[in-house]
Protein backbone atom coordinates (compact mmCIF):
# COMPACT_ATOMS: atom_id res chain seq x y z
CA MET A 1 -16.22 -4.97 -1.69
CA VAL A 2 -14.10 -8.12 -1.43
CA GLN A 3 -15.33 -10.65 -4.00
CA ALA A 4 -14.79 -13.97 -2.19
CA SER A 5 -16.60 -17.11 -3.26
CA PRO A 6 -20.10 -17.37 -1.72
CA ASP A 7 -19.20 -20.96 -0.81
CA PHE A 8 -16.17 -19.92 1.25
CA LYS A 9 -16.66 -20.49 4.98
CA VAL A 10 -14.60 -18.30 7.30
CA PRO A 11 -13.24 -20.34 10.25
CA GLU A 12 -13.84 -19.19 13.82
CA ASP A 13 -10.76 -20.49 15.65
CA ARG A 14 -7.62 -18.31 15.47
CA GLU A 15 -5.33 -21.14 14.46
CA ASP A 16 -7.73 -22.23 11.73
CA LEU A 17 -8.08 -18.67 10.47
CA ILE A 18 -4.31 -18.29 10.13
CA PHE A 19 -3.98 -21.68 8.43
CA GLN A 20 -6.77 -20.80 6.00
CA ALA A 21 -5.25 -17.37 5.31
CA LYS A 22 -1.88 -18.95 4.47
CA LEU A 23 -3.62 -21.56 2.32
CA ALA A 24 -5.48 -18.83 0.45
CA GLU A 25 -2.22 -16.97 -0.07
CA GLN A 26 -0.57 -20.03 -1.62
CA ALA A 27 -3.61 -20.48 -3.87
CA GLU A 28 -3.54 -16.76 -4.73
CA ARG A 29 -7.11 -16.40 -3.45
CA TYR A 30 -6.50 -13.05 -1.82
CA ASP A 31 -10.13 -12.00 -1.29
CA GLU A 32 -10.67 -15.05 0.92
CA MET A 33 -7.37 -14.35 2.64
CA VAL A 34 -8.73 -10.87 3.42
CA LEU A 35 -11.85 -12.33 5.05
CA CYS A 36 -9.76 -14.56 7.30
CA MET A 37 -7.36 -11.83 8.39
CA LYS A 38 -10.16 -9.34 8.91
CA GLN A 39 -11.75 -11.80 11.33
CA VAL A 40 -8.46 -12.16 13.21
CA CYS A 41 -8.13 -8.36 13.51
CA GLN A 42 -11.61 -7.99 14.89
CA LYS A 43 -11.03 -10.58 17.63
CA TRP A 44 -7.36 -10.46 18.64
CA GLN A 45 -4.28 -8.25 18.72
CA LEU A 46 -2.02 -9.13 15.81
CA SER A 47 1.38 -10.78 16.08
CA GLN A 48 4.18 -9.74 13.70
CA ASP A 49 3.46 -12.70 11.42
CA GLU A 50 -0.26 -11.92 11.43
CA ARG A 51 0.22 -8.24 10.58
CA ASN A 52 2.33 -9.31 7.59
CA LEU A 53 -0.43 -11.68 6.49
CA LEU A 54 -2.95 -8.84 6.77
CA SER A 55 -0.71 -6.63 4.64
CA VAL A 56 -0.22 -9.30 1.96
CA ALA A 57 -3.96 -10.04 1.82
CA TYR A 58 -5.15 -6.49 1.23
CA LYS A 59 -2.17 -5.44 -0.92
CA ASN A 60 -2.85 -8.24 -3.40
CA SER A 61 -6.62 -7.93 -3.27
CA VAL A 62 -6.49 -4.22 -4.10
CA GLY A 63 -3.44 -4.67 -6.36
CA ILE A 64 -5.43 -6.75 -8.83
CA ARG A 65 -8.00 -3.93 -9.09
CA ARG A 66 -5.31 -1.24 -9.37
CA ALA A 67 -3.75 -3.08 -12.31
CA SER A 68 -7.15 -3.58 -13.96
CA TRP A 69 -8.07 0.07 -13.42
CA ARG A 70 -4.85 1.25 -15.09
CA VAL A 71 -5.39 -1.00 -18.11
CA LEU A 72 -9.01 0.07 -18.53
CA SER A 73 -8.14 3.76 -18.12
CA THR A 74 -5.58 3.43 -20.92
CA ILE A 75 -8.08 1.64 -23.17
CA GLU A 76 -10.77 4.21 -22.38
CA ALA A 77 -8.48 7.08 -23.40
CA ARG A 78 -7.51 5.25 -26.58
CA GLU A 79 -11.14 4.60 -27.52
CA GLU A 80 -11.99 8.26 -26.91
CA GLN A 81 -9.21 9.31 -29.28
CA LYS A 82 -10.38 6.85 -31.93
CA GLN A 83 -14.00 8.01 -31.48
CA SER A 84 -14.98 4.38 -31.96
CA GLY A 85 -18.16 4.58 -29.93
CA ASN A 86 -16.78 2.07 -27.40
CA ALA A 87 -15.47 4.57 -24.85
CA ALA A 88 -18.71 4.59 -22.85
CA LYS A 89 -18.64 0.79 -22.54
CA VAL A 90 -15.06 0.85 -21.32
CA LYS A 91 -15.88 3.68 -18.90
CA GLU A 92 -18.74 1.68 -17.38
CA TYR A 93 -16.45 -1.31 -16.84
CA ARG A 94 -13.66 0.89 -15.45
CA GLU A 95 -16.10 2.49 -12.99
CA MET A 96 -17.16 -0.97 -11.77
CA VAL A 97 -13.53 -1.86 -11.04
CA GLU A 98 -13.00 1.56 -9.47
CA ALA A 99 -15.92 0.95 -7.09
CA GLU A 100 -14.44 -2.40 -6.03
CA LEU A 101 -11.05 -0.77 -5.48
CA SER A 102 -12.54 2.06 -3.43
CA ASP A 103 -14.57 -0.36 -1.28
CA ILE A 104 -11.52 -2.49 -0.46
CA CYS A 105 -9.50 0.60 0.42
CA GLN A 106 -12.24 1.89 2.70
CA ASP A 107 -12.60 -1.54 4.31
CA ILE A 108 -8.96 -1.71 5.44
CA ILE A 109 -8.89 1.99 6.38
CA ASP A 110 -11.87 1.42 8.70
CA LEU A 111 -10.38 -1.80 10.07
CA LEU A 112 -7.14 -0.02 10.93
CA GLU A 113 -8.93 2.87 12.58
CA ASN A 114 -11.49 0.85 14.54
CA ASN A 115 -9.67 -2.37 15.45
CA ILE A 116 -5.90 -2.03 15.16
CA LEU A 117 -4.31 1.37 15.70
CA SER A 118 -5.60 1.88 19.24
CA ASN A 119 -3.64 -1.22 20.35
CA THR A 120 -0.29 -0.48 18.70
CA ALA A 121 2.78 1.65 19.45
CA ASN A 122 6.22 2.44 18.04
CA ASP A 123 7.12 0.00 15.20
CA GLY A 124 3.55 -1.28 15.00
CA ARG A 125 2.08 2.21 14.79
CA VAL A 126 4.51 3.19 12.04
CA PHE A 127 3.64 0.02 10.09
CA PHE A 128 -0.11 0.51 10.35
CA LYS A 129 -0.20 4.29 9.86
CA LYS A 130 1.90 3.78 6.72
CA MET A 131 -0.59 1.14 5.65
CA GLN A 132 -3.44 3.56 6.28
CA GLY A 133 -1.68 6.19 4.18
CA ASP A 134 -1.13 3.65 1.40
CA TYR A 135 -4.82 2.79 1.05
CA HIS A 136 -5.88 6.42 1.08
CA ARG A 137 -3.27 6.88 -1.69
CA TYR A 138 -4.59 3.94 -3.73
CA HIS A 139 -8.07 5.46 -3.43
CA VAL A 140 -6.77 8.81 -4.71
CA GLU A 141 -5.01 7.16 -7.67
CA ALA A 142 -8.41 6.14 -9.02
CA THR A 143 -10.73 8.85 -7.74
CA ASN A 144 -8.56 11.94 -7.08
CA ASN A 145 -10.64 12.42 -3.93
CA GLU A 146 -9.36 15.40 -1.92
CA ASP A 147 -10.47 14.02 1.46
CA HIS A 148 -8.49 10.83 0.90
CA LYS A 149 -5.53 12.87 -0.31
CA LYS A 150 -5.50 14.87 2.93
CA ALA A 151 -6.03 11.73 5.01
CA ALA A 152 -3.11 9.99 3.28
CA LEU A 153 -0.76 12.88 4.03
CA ALA A 154 -1.94 13.00 7.66
CA ALA A 155 -1.40 9.24 8.13
CA TYR A 156 2.03 9.26 6.49
CA THR A 157 3.09 12.33 8.52
CA ASP A 158 1.96 10.69 11.78
CA ALA A 159 3.90 7.54 10.85
CA LEU A 160 7.04 9.50 10.00
CA GLU A 161 7.00 11.47 13.26
CA THR A 162 6.60 8.23 15.23
CA ALA A 163 9.38 6.59 13.22
CA LYS A 164 11.78 9.46 13.91
CA GLN A 165 11.16 9.07 17.65
CA HIS A 166 11.33 5.29 17.94
CA LEU A 167 13.03 3.62 14.95
CA PRO A 168 16.60 3.76 13.60
CA VAL A 169 16.88 5.42 10.20
CA ALA A 170 17.87 2.11 8.53
CA ASN A 171 14.99 0.16 10.08
CA PRO A 172 13.06 -1.59 7.26
CA THR A 173 9.66 -0.37 8.51
CA ARG A 174 10.91 3.22 8.53
CA LEU A 175 12.56 2.85 5.11
CA GLY A 176 9.36 1.38 3.66
CA LEU A 177 7.47 4.38 4.97
CA VAL A 178 9.99 6.79 3.42
CA LEU A 179 9.73 4.95 0.09
CA ASN A 180 5.94 5.16 -0.05
CA LEU A 181 5.68 8.70 1.29
CA SER A 182 8.17 9.90 -1.31
CA VAL A 183 6.04 8.20 -3.99
CA PHE A 184 2.99 9.98 -2.57
CA TYR A 185 4.76 13.34 -2.86
CA TYR A 186 5.85 12.58 -6.41
CA GLU A 187 2.79 10.87 -7.90
CA ILE A 188 -0.15 12.32 -5.96
CA LEU A 189 0.94 15.76 -4.79
CA ARG A 190 3.14 16.27 -7.88
CA ASP A 191 5.85 17.68 -5.64
CA THR A 192 8.97 16.23 -7.22
CA ASN A 193 11.41 18.14 -5.03
CA ALA A 194 9.76 16.99 -1.79
CA GLY A 195 9.80 13.38 -2.96
CA ILE A 196 13.46 13.53 -3.97
CA ASP A 197 14.56 15.38 -0.82
CA LEU A 198 12.81 12.91 1.50
CA ALA A 199 14.11 9.86 -0.34
CA LYS A 200 17.69 11.12 -0.75
CA GLN A 201 18.09 12.39 2.81
CA ASN A 202 16.88 9.13 4.36
CA PHE A 203 18.84 7.00 1.87
CA ASP A 204 22.08 8.82 2.69
CA GLN A 205 21.49 8.56 6.44
CA ALA A 206 20.58 4.87 6.26
CA VAL A 207 23.75 3.89 4.38
CA SER A 208 25.94 4.48 7.43
CA ASP A 209 23.57 2.59 9.76
CA LEU A 210 23.06 -0.58 7.71
CA ASP A 211 25.84 -2.53 9.42
CA LYS A 212 24.15 -2.06 12.78
CA LEU A 213 21.09 -4.08 11.71
CA PRO A 214 20.47 -7.79 12.39
CA GLU A 215 20.99 -9.96 9.31
CA ALA A 216 17.26 -10.42 8.53
CA GLU A 217 16.59 -6.69 8.76
CA TYR A 218 19.74 -5.93 6.76
CA LYS A 219 18.50 -7.89 3.76
CA GLU A 220 15.08 -6.24 3.84
CA ALA A 221 16.58 -2.77 4.31
CA THR A 222 18.95 -3.14 1.36
CA LEU A 223 16.06 -4.26 -0.86
CA ILE A 224 14.01 -1.19 0.08
CA MET A 225 17.02 1.08 -0.38
CA GLN A 226 17.46 -0.28 -3.89
CA LEU A 227 13.85 0.67 -4.66
CA ILE A 228 14.49 4.16 -3.28
CA ARG A 229 17.63 4.42 -5.43
CA ASP A 230 15.67 3.30 -8.51
CA ASN A 231 13.06 5.99 -7.91
CA LEU A 232 15.70 8.67 -7.41
CA THR A 233 17.27 7.69 -10.73
CA LEU A 234 13.88 7.87 -12.44
CA TRP A 235 12.93 11.17 -10.82
CA SER A 236 16.13 12.84 -11.94
CA GLU A 237 14.46 12.86 -15.37
CA ASP A 238 11.10 14.38 -14.50
CA ASP A 239 9.79 14.20 -18.07
CA GLN A 240 9.50 10.41 -17.62
CA ARG A 241 6.76 10.85 -15.01
CA ASP A 242 3.99 9.50 -17.24
CA GLU A 243 5.94 6.77 -19.01
CA THR A 244 7.46 4.77 -16.17
CA GLN A 245 5.88 3.23 -13.07
CA VAL A 246 7.70 4.18 -9.87
CA GLU A 247 8.47 1.62 -7.19
CA ASP A 248 6.69 1.30 -3.87
CA MET A 249 5.91 -1.49 -1.45
């Protein structure tokens, strides 16, 4: 569950909600940003700027818990090896963070399914189905839940099929999807070859189409392609799987 301050009052007017969300972002108060953007989603169809605000809000809110969960998991394993008697205490704390992470993931998954996806098409559908896949993936990272694993693959696959029909191969939304789906193959499904093949094929195809993009999209696309290239370099040495964090977005 999002842990916003009990004193935080969510505005009602759309303009005020967006202002408050941007203010929360600048203050790095992402749980309150989530509350504002959730309210916008439940009342209105999102503009491009608003969908980006929604993405930033949830990505940072859950990102804090993902980072905490990783640290605590490492400490828990270390305490178990030392047989210090502290492992149970660390486990209890890690499970608390894990519950928060799972709740936030489920919150955005439900919001996407119930309030957003039915009103989107083409680029918007790719963006939000990718987002849905991402939060199922984040859930699996902590819980290894099979239902969320299957749901992530289904969401990513839906997004990729839509992207192939409606978006150029160098489109930043499509490239971001390819980046995260390849990470899903590599990290969650442990299918290194599928991750590499997807990333390399789309990277090679996008190279020749970059010059056709508007300037703003060109900059974003080249950034994502660099992340894809970094992952391909890392994955060429598969024995580094557990030592190095792959890139996603």
